[in-house]
Amino acid sequence: MFTMESSVEKAIDCYYPGKGFPAISVTGKDCALDCKHCARRYLEGMVPATSAEELLEVARSLSARGAKGFLLSGGVDETGKVPIADFLPAIKEIKATTRLRINAHIGLSPTAEIADLVQAGIDAFSVDIYGADSTIREVLGLEASVDDYFRVLRDLTERKAYVVPHICVGIHAGKVDGELSALESLVEFEPRALVLISLIPTRGTAYQDVEPPSRDDLLMVVKTARRLMPTTRILLGCMRSRSDRAVEYEAVMAGVDGIVLPSLETVKRLEEDGFSIRIKDECCAFP
């Protein structure tokens, strides 16, 4: 863990993906689930591409304007899978004809499809990780288990894919319920990077009136992750509550290596403390 007395260079990565790294939904606004923290609201802000032709058109446009890449995601079916495998030919063409990098969120894709997706050339895979079956059932409304999500992680790892686990702190009504268990289970995978996000109480969802996770809870998760995985890059991702921006600075002191869209005040404090700010204009999932 970094200490203020350390002789190692103090540096923090600050990510500003912007229009150069948009999120694309292969299902448009459709999703079979009605998750309490999302209720399809976040699909509304994504670029729709529900056919291979649309995906290719969007990718060509992004490439022409010099974008770095895109997140390929969407809603899930009743099994929890994002149907990205349906777009395999388009993905292969994008990788063969452009320099765009793809970060894919595939949900509970089956093992056979995962093998095909890795071979297609996808650059990074973002995998949601949970630590309690009750969270999956009660928040997502999905008849799946913690082991199902770790199976996806294992399938990707065994195929030498670059995979980045994501843990949403407080996803279960703002309370920590399984996050520490998820971290303990992640240790054996030795992930190169871990993205921590947090519940955003969102209007129109079942959780619109709940409190986001407290500063103490978020920092507890950060500190535990750093202790358990001392060589893993820990990042504060874009999908997180902004209700307490001061926690960003404290998270860096607790071991975070990078922040997506940090506040100006956070950047100023880090600079005043002697940190070198490394600006990156793409997704934090990439190495």
C-alpha atoms as a PDB file:
ATOM      1  CA  MET A   1       0.000   0.000   0.000  1.00  0.00           C
ATOM      2  CA  PHE A   2       1.173   3.501  -0.777  1.00  0.00           C
ATOM      3  CA  THR A   3       2.195   5.700   2.114  1.00  0.00           C
ATOM      4  CA  MET A   4       2.967   9.383   2.058  1.00  0.00           C
ATOM      5  CA  GLU A   5       6.560   8.591   3.020  1.00  0.00           C
ATOM      6  CA  SER A   6       7.040   6.175   0.117  1.00  0.00           C
ATOM      7  CA  SER A   7       9.901   6.870  -2.260  1.00  0.00           C
ATOM      8  CA  VAL A   8       7.934   5.348  -5.143  1.00  0.00           C
ATOM      9  CA  GLU A   9       6.559   7.837  -7.665  1.00  0.00           C
ATOM     10  CA  LYS A  10       3.093   8.983  -6.683  1.00  0.00           C
ATOM     11  CA  ALA A  11       0.830   8.759  -9.710  1.00  0.00           C
ATOM     12  CA  ILE A  12      -2.880   8.333 -10.317  1.00  0.00           C
ATOM     13  CA  ASP A  13      -4.675   7.528 -13.555  1.00  0.00           C
ATOM     14  CA  CYS A  14      -7.684   9.732 -14.318  1.00  0.00           C
ATOM     15  CA  TYR A  15     -10.016   8.468 -17.034  1.00  0.00           C
ATOM     16  CA  TYR A  16     -12.205  10.657 -19.223  1.00  0.00           C
ATOM     17  CA  PRO A  17     -13.752   8.315 -21.841  1.00  0.00           C
ATOM     18  CA  GLY A  18     -16.252  10.826 -23.246  1.00  0.00           C
ATOM     19  CA  LYS A  19     -17.461  10.500 -26.836  1.00  0.00           C
ATOM     20  CA  GLY A  20     -14.280   8.673 -27.769  1.00  0.00           C
ATOM     21  CA  PHE A  21     -15.434   5.573 -25.911  1.00  0.00           C
ATOM     22  CA  PRO A  22     -19.240   5.260 -25.937  1.00  0.00           C
ATOM     23  CA  ALA A  23     -21.412   2.429 -24.617  1.00  0.00           C
ATOM     24  CA  ILE A  24     -23.326   0.411 -27.205  1.00  0.00           C
ATOM     25  CA  SER A  25     -26.388  -1.704 -26.442  1.00  0.00           C
ATOM     26  CA  VAL A  26     -27.004  -4.689 -28.698  1.00  0.00           C
ATOM     27  CA  THR A  27     -30.552  -4.916 -27.310  1.00  0.00           C
ATOM     28  CA  GLY A  28     -31.460  -1.246 -27.507  1.00  0.00           C
ATOM     29  CA  LYS A  29     -33.631  -0.441 -24.505  1.00  0.00           C
ATOM     30  CA  ASP A  30     -34.818  -4.019 -24.059  1.00  0.00           C
ATOM     31  CA  CYS A  31     -33.933  -6.226 -21.076  1.00  0.00           C
ATOM     32  CA  ALA A  32     -35.707  -9.294 -19.701  1.00  0.00           C
ATOM     33  CA  LEU A  33     -35.004  -8.232 -16.124  1.00  0.00           C
ATOM     34  CA  ASP A  34     -36.296  -5.365 -14.013  1.00  0.00           C
ATOM     35  CA  CYS A  35     -33.390  -4.938 -11.614  1.00  0.00           C
ATOM     36  CA  LYS A  36     -34.096  -2.810  -8.562  1.00  0.00           C
ATOM     37  CA  HIS A  37     -31.034  -0.627  -9.127  1.00  0.00           C
ATOM     38  CA  CYS A  38     -31.447  -0.167 -12.890  1.00  0.00           C
ATOM     39  CA  ALA A  39     -34.942  -0.939 -14.233  1.00  0.00           C
ATOM     40  CA  ARG A  40     -33.540  -0.524 -17.779  1.00  0.00           C
ATOM     41  CA  ARG A  41     -32.824   3.174 -17.150  1.00  0.00           C
ATOM     42  CA  TYR A  42     -29.134   2.898 -18.037  1.00  0.00           C
ATOM     43  CA  LEU A  43     -29.885   1.322 -21.403  1.00  0.00           C
ATOM     44  CA  GLU A  44     -31.550   4.587 -22.402  1.00  0.00           C
ATOM     45  CA  GLY A  45     -28.227   6.406 -22.443  1.00  0.00           C
ATOM     46  CA  MET A  46     -26.465   3.855 -24.640  1.00  0.00           C
ATOM     47  CA  VAL A  47     -26.063   3.871 -28.417  1.00  0.00           C
ATOM     48  CA  PRO A  48     -28.474   1.282 -29.858  1.00  0.00           C
ATOM     49  CA  ALA A  49     -27.115  -1.274 -32.343  1.00  0.00           C
ATOM     50  CA  THR A  50     -29.517  -4.190 -32.490  1.00  0.00           C
ATOM     51  CA  SER A  51     -28.271  -5.758 -35.721  1.00  0.00           C
ATOM     52  CA  ALA A  52     -24.857  -6.624 -37.136  1.00  0.00           C
ATOM     53  CA  GLU A  53     -25.302  -3.950 -39.791  1.00  0.00           C
ATOM     54  CA  GLU A  54     -26.049  -1.288 -37.188  1.00  0.00           C
ATOM     55  CA  LEU A  55     -23.059  -2.319 -35.086  1.00  0.00           C
ATOM     56  CA  LEU A  56     -20.751  -2.116 -38.098  1.00  0.00           C
ATOM     57  CA  GLU A  57     -22.158   1.273 -39.040  1.00  0.00           C
ATOM     58  CA  VAL A  58     -21.619   2.651 -35.539  1.00  0.00           C
ATOM     59  CA  ALA A  59     -18.110   1.211 -35.373  1.00  0.00           C
ATOM     60  CA  ARG A  60     -17.118   2.647 -38.745  1.00  0.00           C
ATOM     61  CA  SER A  61     -18.382   6.052 -37.683  1.00  0.00           C
ATOM     62  CA  LEU A  62     -16.414   5.850 -34.437  1.00  0.00           C
ATOM     63  CA  SER A  63     -13.278   4.790 -36.283  1.00  0.00           C
ATOM     64  CA  ALA A  64     -13.631   7.601 -38.823  1.00  0.00           C
ATOM     65  CA  ARG A  65     -13.736  10.236 -36.111  1.00  0.00           C
ATOM     66  CA  GLY A  66     -10.754   8.795 -34.253  1.00  0.00           C
ATOM     67  CA  ALA A  67     -12.491   7.161 -31.296  1.00  0.00           C
ATOM     68  CA  LYS A  68     -10.507   4.750 -29.143  1.00  0.00           C
ATOM     69  CA  GLY A  69     -13.159   2.056 -28.879  1.00  0.00           C
ATOM     70  CA  PHE A  70     -16.453   1.213 -27.197  1.00  0.00           C
ATOM     71  CA  LEU A  71     -18.196  -0.782 -24.492  1.00  0.00           C
ATOM     72  CA  LEU A  72     -20.307  -3.541 -26.024  1.00  0.00           C
ATOM     73  CA  SER A  73     -23.156  -4.404 -23.709  1.00  0.00           C
ATOM     74  CA  GLY A  74     -26.937  -4.357 -23.491  1.00  0.00           C
ATOM     75  CA  GLY A  75     -29.832  -5.873 -21.656  1.00  0.00           C
ATOM     76  CA  VAL A  76     -29.898  -9.537 -20.688  1.00  0.00           C
ATOM     77  CA  ASP A  77     -32.264 -12.386 -21.471  1.00  0.00           C
ATOM     78  CA  GLU A  78     -34.082 -14.457 -18.846  1.00  0.00           C
ATOM     79  CA  THR A  79     -30.894 -16.454 -18.183  1.00  0.00           C
ATOM     80  CA  GLY A  80     -28.788 -13.346 -17.503  1.00  0.00           C
ATOM     81  CA  LYS A  81     -26.886 -13.447 -20.819  1.00  0.00           C
ATOM     82  CA  VAL A  82     -26.158 -10.397 -22.971  1.00  0.00           C
ATOM     83  CA  PRO A  83     -26.620 -11.725 -26.552  1.00  0.00           C
ATOM     84  CA  ILE A  84     -23.278 -10.487 -27.847  1.00  0.00           C
ATOM     85  CA  ALA A  85     -22.422 -13.834 -29.463  1.00  0.00           C
ATOM     86  CA  ASP A  86     -25.104 -13.075 -32.054  1.00  0.00           C
ATOM     87  CA  PHE A  87     -22.772 -10.344 -33.332  1.00  0.00           C
ATOM     88  CA  LEU A  88     -19.629 -12.444 -33.755  1.00  0.00           C
ATOM     89  CA  PRO A  89     -19.128 -11.805 -37.515  1.00  0.00           C
ATOM     90  CA  ALA A  90     -19.499  -8.060 -36.989  1.00  0.00           C
ATOM     91  CA  ILE A  91     -17.083  -8.101 -34.063  1.00  0.00           C
ATOM     92  CA  LYS A  92     -14.495  -9.971 -36.125  1.00  0.00           C
ATOM     93  CA  GLU A  93     -14.848  -7.489 -38.983  1.00  0.00           C
ATOM     94  CA  ILE A  94     -14.488  -4.522 -36.632  1.00  0.00           C
ATOM     95  CA  LYS A  95     -11.322  -5.974 -35.149  1.00  0.00           C
ATOM     96  CA  ALA A  96      -9.928  -6.782 -38.595  1.00  0.00           C
ATOM     97  CA  THR A  97     -10.647  -3.428 -40.229  1.00  0.00           C
ATOM     98  CA  THR A  98     -10.336  -0.824 -37.451  1.00  0.00           C
ATOM     99  CA  ARG A  99      -8.100  -0.007 -34.501  1.00  0.00           C
ATOM    100  CA  LEU A 100     -11.059   0.209 -32.132  1.00  0.00           C
ATOM    101  CA  ARG A 101     -10.732  -1.571 -28.812  1.00  0.00           C
ATOM    102  CA  ILE A 102     -13.745  -3.421 -27.457  1.00  0.00           C
ATOM    103  CA  ASN A 103     -14.659  -3.934 -23.822  1.00  0.00           C
ATOM    104  CA  ALA A 104     -17.490  -6.472 -23.658  1.00  0.00           C
ATOM    105  CA  HIS A 105     -20.021  -7.001 -20.889  1.00  0.00           C
ATOM    106  CA  ILE A 106     -21.380 -10.455 -21.649  1.00  0.00           C
ATOM    107  CA  GLY A 107     -23.384 -11.378 -18.553  1.00  0.00           C
ATOM    108  CA  LEU A 108     -23.903 -15.088 -17.939  1.00  0.00           C
ATOM    109  CA  SER A 109     -22.825 -16.262 -21.378  1.00  0.00           C
ATOM    110  CA  PRO A 110     -22.357 -20.044 -21.686  1.00  0.00           C
ATOM    111  CA  THR A 111     -18.903 -21.559 -21.917  1.00  0.00           C
ATOM    112  CA  ALA A 112     -19.094 -22.356 -25.645  1.00  0.00           C
ATOM    113  CA  GLU A 113     -20.033 -18.789 -26.524  1.00  0.00           C
ATOM    114  CA  ILE A 114     -17.271 -17.416 -24.329  1.00  0.00           C
ATOM    115  CA  ALA A 115     -14.691 -19.399 -26.296  1.00  0.00           C
ATOM    116  CA  ASP A 116     -16.000 -17.878 -29.537  1.00  0.00           C
ATOM    117  CA  LEU A 117     -16.027 -14.354 -28.104  1.00  0.00           C
ATOM    118  CA  VAL A 118     -12.420 -14.620 -26.963  1.00  0.00           C
ATOM    119  CA  GLN A 119     -11.352 -15.905 -30.377  1.00  0.00           C
ATOM    120  CA  ALA A 120     -13.190 -13.015 -32.050  1.00  0.00           C
ATOM    121  CA  GLY A 121     -10.568 -10.646 -30.689  1.00  0.00           C
ATOM    122  CA  ILE A 122     -12.465  -8.765 -27.974  1.00  0.00           C
ATOM    123  CA  ASP A 123      -9.852  -6.806 -26.045  1.00  0.00           C
ATOM    124  CA  ALA A 124     -11.331  -6.867 -22.536  1.00  0.00           C
ATOM    125  CA  PHE A 125     -14.220  -8.470 -20.712  1.00  0.00           C
ATOM    126  CA  SER A 126     -16.008  -6.782 -17.817  1.00  0.00           C
ATOM    127  CA  VAL A 127     -17.594  -9.333 -15.494  1.00  0.00           C
ATOM    128  CA  ASP A 128     -19.990  -8.470 -12.690  1.00  0.00           C
ATOM    129  CA  ILE A 129     -19.138 -10.327  -9.505  1.00  0.00           C
ATOM    130  CA  TYR A 130     -21.399 -10.889  -6.506  1.00  0.00           C
ATOM    131  CA  GLY A 131     -20.797 -12.377  -3.088  1.00  0.00           C
ATOM    132  CA  ALA A 132     -24.322 -13.336  -2.024  1.00  0.00           C
ATOM    133  CA  ASP A 133     -26.947 -15.412  -3.822  1.00  0.00           C
ATOM    134  CA  SER A 134     -29.628 -13.344  -2.099  1.00  0.00           C
ATOM    135  CA  THR A 135     -28.387 -10.206  -3.870  1.00  0.00           C
ATOM    136  CA  ILE A 136     -28.702 -11.861  -7.283  1.00  0.00           C
ATOM    137  CA  ARG A 137     -32.218 -13.079  -6.531  1.00  0.00           C
ATOM    138  CA  GLU A 138     -33.580 -10.022  -4.731  1.00  0.00           C
ATOM    139  CA  VAL A 139     -31.894  -7.199  -6.644  1.00  0.00           C
ATOM    140  CA  LEU A 140     -31.582  -8.657 -10.135  1.00  0.00           C
ATOM    141  CA  GLY A 141     -34.580 -10.968  -9.878  1.00  0.00           C
ATOM    142  CA  LEU A 142     -32.504 -13.687 -11.502  1.00  0.00           C
ATOM    143  CA  GLU A 143     -32.476 -17.361 -10.570  1.00  0.00           C
ATOM    144  CA  ALA A 144     -28.693 -17.586 -10.617  1.00  0.00           C
ATOM    145  CA  SER A 145     -25.930 -17.948  -8.059  1.00  0.00           C
ATOM    146  CA  VAL A 146     -22.590 -16.446  -7.108  1.00  0.00           C
ATOM    147  CA  ASP A 147     -20.966 -19.515  -8.636  1.00  0.00           C
ATOM    148  CA  ASP A 148     -22.567 -18.759 -12.011  1.00  0.00           C
ATOM    149  CA  TYR A 149     -20.795 -15.409 -12.240  1.00  0.00           C
ATOM    150  CA  PHE A 150     -17.505 -16.876 -11.087  1.00  0.00           C
ATOM    151  CA  ARG A 151     -17.928 -19.570 -13.759  1.00  0.00           C
ATOM    152  CA  VAL A 152     -17.872 -16.811 -16.395  1.00  0.00           C
ATOM    153  CA  LEU A 153     -14.747 -15.372 -14.809  1.00  0.00           C
ATOM    154  CA  ARG A 154     -13.113 -18.804 -14.764  1.00  0.00           C
ATOM    155  CA  ASP A 155     -14.044 -19.538 -18.387  1.00  0.00           C
ATOM    156  CA  LEU A 156     -12.481 -16.267 -19.526  1.00  0.00           C
ATOM    157  CA  THR A 157      -9.385 -16.683 -17.376  1.00  0.00           C
ATOM    158  CA  GLU A 158      -8.762 -20.222 -18.628  1.00  0.00           C
ATOM    159  CA  ARG A 159      -8.881 -18.903 -22.201  1.00  0.00           C
ATOM    160  CA  LYS A 160      -6.256 -16.258 -21.399  1.00  0.00           C
ATOM    161  CA  ALA A 161      -8.703 -13.396 -21.966  1.00  0.00           C
ATOM    162  CA  TYR A 162      -8.073 -10.034 -20.359  1.00  0.00           C
ATOM    163  CA  VAL A 163     -10.879  -9.926 -17.828  1.00  0.00           C
ATOM    164  CA  VAL A 164     -11.748  -7.222 -15.317  1.00  0.00           C
ATOM    165  CA  PRO A 165     -14.080  -8.115 -12.438  1.00  0.00           C
ATOM    166  CA  HIS A 166     -16.547  -5.416 -11.370  1.00  0.00           C
ATOM    167  CA  ILE A 167     -18.026  -5.195  -7.893  1.00  0.00           C
ATOM    168  CA  CYS A 168     -20.861  -2.783  -7.151  1.00  0.00           C
ATOM    169  CA  VAL A 169     -20.582  -1.632  -3.547  1.00  0.00           C
ATOM    170  CA  GLY A 170     -23.991  -1.319  -1.906  1.00  0.00           C
ATOM    171  CA  ILE A 171     -25.957  -2.782  -4.807  1.00  0.00           C
ATOM    172  CA  HIS A 172     -28.270  -4.451  -2.292  1.00  0.00           C
ATOM    173  CA  ALA A 173     -30.292  -1.401  -1.226  1.00  0.00           C
ATOM    174  CA  GLY A 174     -27.151   0.577  -0.408  1.00  0.00           C
ATOM    175  CA  LYS A 175     -25.822  -1.912   2.131  1.00  0.00           C
ATOM    176  CA  VAL A 176     -22.705  -4.054   1.971  1.00  0.00           C
ATOM    177  CA  ASP A 177     -23.901  -7.640   1.630  1.00  0.00           C
ATOM    178  CA  GLY A 178     -21.442 -10.024   0.055  1.00  0.00           C
ATOM    179  CA  GLU A 179     -18.847  -7.613  -1.320  1.00  0.00           C
ATOM    180  CA  LEU A 180     -16.125  -8.776   1.076  1.00  0.00           C
ATOM    181  CA  SER A 181     -16.904 -12.413   0.326  1.00  0.00           C
ATOM    182  CA  ALA A 182     -16.640 -11.637  -3.391  1.00  0.00           C
ATOM    183  CA  LEU A 183     -13.200 -10.106  -2.841  1.00  0.00           C
ATOM    184  CA  GLU A 184     -12.012 -13.168  -0.958  1.00  0.00           C
ATOM    185  CA  SER A 185     -13.174 -15.417  -3.794  1.00  0.00           C
ATOM    186  CA  LEU A 186     -11.398 -13.233  -6.351  1.00  0.00           C
ATOM    187  CA  VAL A 187      -7.975 -13.751  -4.798  1.00  0.00           C
ATOM    188  CA  GLU A 188      -7.317 -17.055  -6.553  1.00  0.00           C
ATOM    189  CA  PHE A 189      -7.830 -15.427  -9.959  1.00  0.00           C
ATOM    190  CA  GLU A 190      -5.153 -12.785  -9.337  1.00  0.00           C
ATOM    191  CA  PRO A 191      -6.916 -10.224 -11.565  1.00  0.00           C
ATOM    192  CA  ARG A 192      -4.714  -7.587 -13.160  1.00  0.00           C
ATOM    193  CA  ALA A 193      -7.418  -5.006 -12.494  1.00  0.00           C
ATOM    194  CA  LEU A 194     -10.540  -4.683 -10.376  1.00  0.00           C
ATOM    195  CA  VAL A 195     -13.207  -2.031 -10.932  1.00  0.00           C
ATOM    196  CA  LEU A 196     -15.234  -0.878  -7.945  1.00  0.00           C
ATOM    197  CA  ILE A 197     -18.485   0.924  -8.625  1.00  0.00           C
ATOM    198  CA  SER A 198     -21.327   1.776  -6.256  1.00  0.00           C
ATOM    199  CA  LEU A 199     -25.094   1.993  -6.139  1.00  0.00           C
ATOM    200  CA  ILE A 200     -26.580   5.119  -7.692  1.00  0.00           C
ATOM    201  CA  PRO A 201     -30.105   5.714  -6.356  1.00  0.00           C
ATOM    202  CA  THR A 202     -31.780   6.306  -9.718  1.00  0.00           C
ATOM    203  CA  ARG A 203     -35.162   7.891 -10.352  1.00  0.00           C
ATOM    204  CA  GLY A 204     -37.685   5.420 -11.671  1.00  0.00           C
ATOM    205  CA  THR A 205     -36.096   2.421  -9.986  1.00  0.00           C
ATOM    206  CA  ALA A 206     -37.067   0.537  -6.832  1.00  0.00           C
ATOM    207  CA  TYR A 207     -33.977   1.999  -5.168  1.00  0.00           C
ATOM    208  CA  GLN A 208     -34.546   5.632  -6.083  1.00  0.00           C
ATOM    209  CA  ASP A 209     -35.013   6.648  -2.441  1.00  0.00           C
ATOM    210  CA  VAL A 210     -32.372   4.514  -0.727  1.00  0.00           C
ATOM    211  CA  GLU A 211     -29.121   5.936   0.565  1.00  0.00           C
ATOM    212  CA  PRO A 212     -25.988   5.140  -1.441  1.00  0.00           C
ATOM    213  CA  PRO A 213     -23.268   3.192   0.366  1.00  0.00           C
ATOM    214  CA  SER A 214     -21.560   5.192   3.080  1.00  0.00           C
ATOM    215  CA  ARG A 215     -18.033   6.529   2.829  1.00  0.00           C
ATOM    216  CA  ASP A 216     -16.935   4.066   5.496  1.00  0.00           C
ATOM    217  CA  ASP A 217     -18.403   1.125   3.584  1.00  0.00           C
ATOM    218  CA  LEU A 218     -16.787   2.114   0.301  1.00  0.00           C
ATOM    219  CA  LEU A 219     -13.408   2.647   1.935  1.00  0.00           C
ATOM    220  CA  MET A 220     -13.709  -0.648   3.783  1.00  0.00           C
ATOM    221  CA  VAL A 221     -14.145  -2.424   0.452  1.00  0.00           C
ATOM    222  CA  VAL A 222     -11.208  -0.538  -1.080  1.00  0.00           C
ATOM    223  CA  LYS A 223      -8.926  -1.331   1.840  1.00  0.00           C
ATOM    224  CA  THR A 224      -9.948  -4.982   1.858  1.00  0.00           C
ATOM    225  CA  ALA A 225      -9.339  -5.281  -1.877  1.00  0.00           C
ATOM    226  CA  ARG A 226      -5.893  -3.707  -1.518  1.00  0.00           C
ATOM    227  CA  ARG A 227      -4.971  -5.997   1.382  1.00  0.00           C
ATOM    228  CA  LEU A 228      -6.136  -9.160  -0.355  1.00  0.00           C
ATOM    229  CA  MET A 229      -4.783  -8.280  -3.815  1.00  0.00           C
ATOM    230  CA  PRO A 230      -1.689  -6.109  -3.362  1.00  0.00           C
ATOM    231  CA  THR A 231      -0.608  -6.272  -7.018  1.00  0.00           C
ATOM    232  CA  THR A 232      -4.040  -5.733  -8.611  1.00  0.00           C
ATOM    233  CA  ARG A 233      -4.881  -2.334 -10.093  1.00  0.00           C
ATOM    234  CA  ILE A 234      -7.914  -1.032  -8.219  1.00  0.00           C
ATOM    235  CA  LEU A 235     -10.085   1.490 -10.024  1.00  0.00           C
ATOM    236  CA  LEU A 236     -13.143   3.563  -9.171  1.00  0.00           C
ATOM    237  CA  GLY A 237     -15.368   3.091 -12.199  1.00  0.00           C
ATOM    238  CA  CYS A 238     -17.800   5.437 -13.889  1.00  0.00           C
ATOM    239  CA  MET A 239     -21.030   3.894 -12.553  1.00  0.00           C
ATOM    240  CA  ARG A 240     -20.826   5.098  -8.995  1.00  0.00           C
ATOM    241  CA  SER A 241     -22.598   7.500  -6.668  1.00  0.00           C
ATOM    242  CA  ARG A 242     -21.291  11.089  -6.769  1.00  0.00           C
ATOM    243  CA  SER A 243     -23.025  12.075  -3.511  1.00  0.00           C
ATOM    244  CA  ASP A 244     -19.716  12.199  -1.603  1.00  0.00           C
ATOM    245  CA  ARG A 245     -16.898  13.349  -3.870  1.00  0.00           C
ATOM    246  CA  ALA A 246     -14.458  13.665  -0.949  1.00  0.00           C
ATOM    247  CA  VAL A 247     -14.314   9.879  -0.785  1.00  0.00           C
ATOM    248  CA  GLU A 248     -12.359   9.870  -4.068  1.00  0.00           C
ATOM    249  CA  TYR A 249      -9.278  11.366  -2.430  1.00  0.00           C
ATOM    250  CA  GLU A 250      -9.594   9.065   0.579  1.00  0.00           C
ATOM    251  CA  ALA A 251      -9.933   6.074  -1.743  1.00  0.00           C
ATOM    252  CA  VAL A 252      -6.602   6.959  -3.347  1.00  0.00           C
ATOM    253  CA  MET A 253      -5.035   7.120   0.107  1.00  0.00           C
ATOM    254  CA  ALA A 254      -6.546   3.684   0.772  1.00  0.00           C
ATOM    255  CA  GLY A 255      -4.995   2.153  -2.328  1.00  0.00           C
ATOM    256  CA  VAL A 256      -6.973   3.069  -5.450  1.00  0.00           C
ATOM    257  CA  ASP A 257      -4.832   3.391  -8.593  1.00  0.00           C
ATOM    258  CA  GLY A 258      -7.258   5.172 -10.901  1.00  0.00           C
ATOM    259  CA  ILE A 259     -10.548   7.068 -10.995  1.00  0.00           C
ATOM    260  CA  VAL A 260     -13.023   7.602 -13.799  1.00  0.00           C
ATOM    261  CA  LEU A 261     -14.208  11.214 -13.995  1.00  0.00           C
ATOM    262  CA  PRO A 262     -12.780  12.434 -10.693  1.00  0.00           C
ATOM    263  CA  SER A 263     -13.956  15.792  -9.399  1.00  0.00           C
ATOM    264  CA  LEU A 264     -11.818  18.852 -10.026  1.00  0.00           C
ATOM    265  CA  GLU A 265     -11.345  19.167  -6.270  1.00  0.00           C
ATOM    266  CA  THR A 266     -10.011  15.604  -6.073  1.00  0.00           C
ATOM    267  CA  VAL A 267      -7.502  16.248  -8.854  1.00  0.00           C
ATOM    268  CA  LYS A 268      -6.426  19.506  -7.207  1.00  0.00           C
ATOM    269  CA  ARG A 269      -5.863  17.822  -3.833  1.00  0.00           C
ATOM    270  CA  LEU A 270      -3.865  15.022  -5.410  1.00  0.00           C
ATOM    271  CA  GLU A 271      -1.685  17.491  -7.322  1.00  0.00           C
ATOM    272  CA  GLU A 272      -1.093  19.488  -4.147  1.00  0.00           C
ATOM    273  CA  ASP A 273       0.022  16.259  -2.470  1.00  0.00           C
ATOM    274  CA  GLY A 274       2.568  15.669  -5.206  1.00  0.00           C
ATOM    275  CA  PHE A 275       0.716  13.130  -7.315  1.00  0.00           C
ATOM    276  CA  SER A 276       1.396  12.943 -11.021  1.00  0.00           C
ATOM    277  CA  ILE A 277      -1.953  12.954 -12.832  1.00  0.00           C
ATOM    278  CA  ARG A 278      -1.990  10.681 -15.863  1.00  0.00           C
ATOM    279  CA  ILE A 279      -4.891  11.573 -18.156  1.00  0.00           C
ATOM    280  CA  LYS A 280      -6.465   8.746 -20.165  1.00  0.00           C
ATOM    281  CA  ASP A 281      -9.278   9.222 -22.656  1.00  0.00           C
ATOM    282  CA  GLU A 282     -10.648   5.697 -22.723  1.00  0.00           C
ATOM    283  CA  CYS A 283     -12.261   2.985 -20.603  1.00  0.00           C
ATOM    284  CA  CYS A 284     -10.584   2.219 -17.287  1.00  0.00           C
ATOM    285  CA  ALA A 285     -10.863  -1.540 -17.939  1.00  0.00           C
ATOM    286  CA  PHE A 286      -7.898  -1.532 -20.299  1.00  0.00           C
ATOM    287  CA  PRO A 287      -4.366  -2.118 -19.011  1.00  0.00           C
END
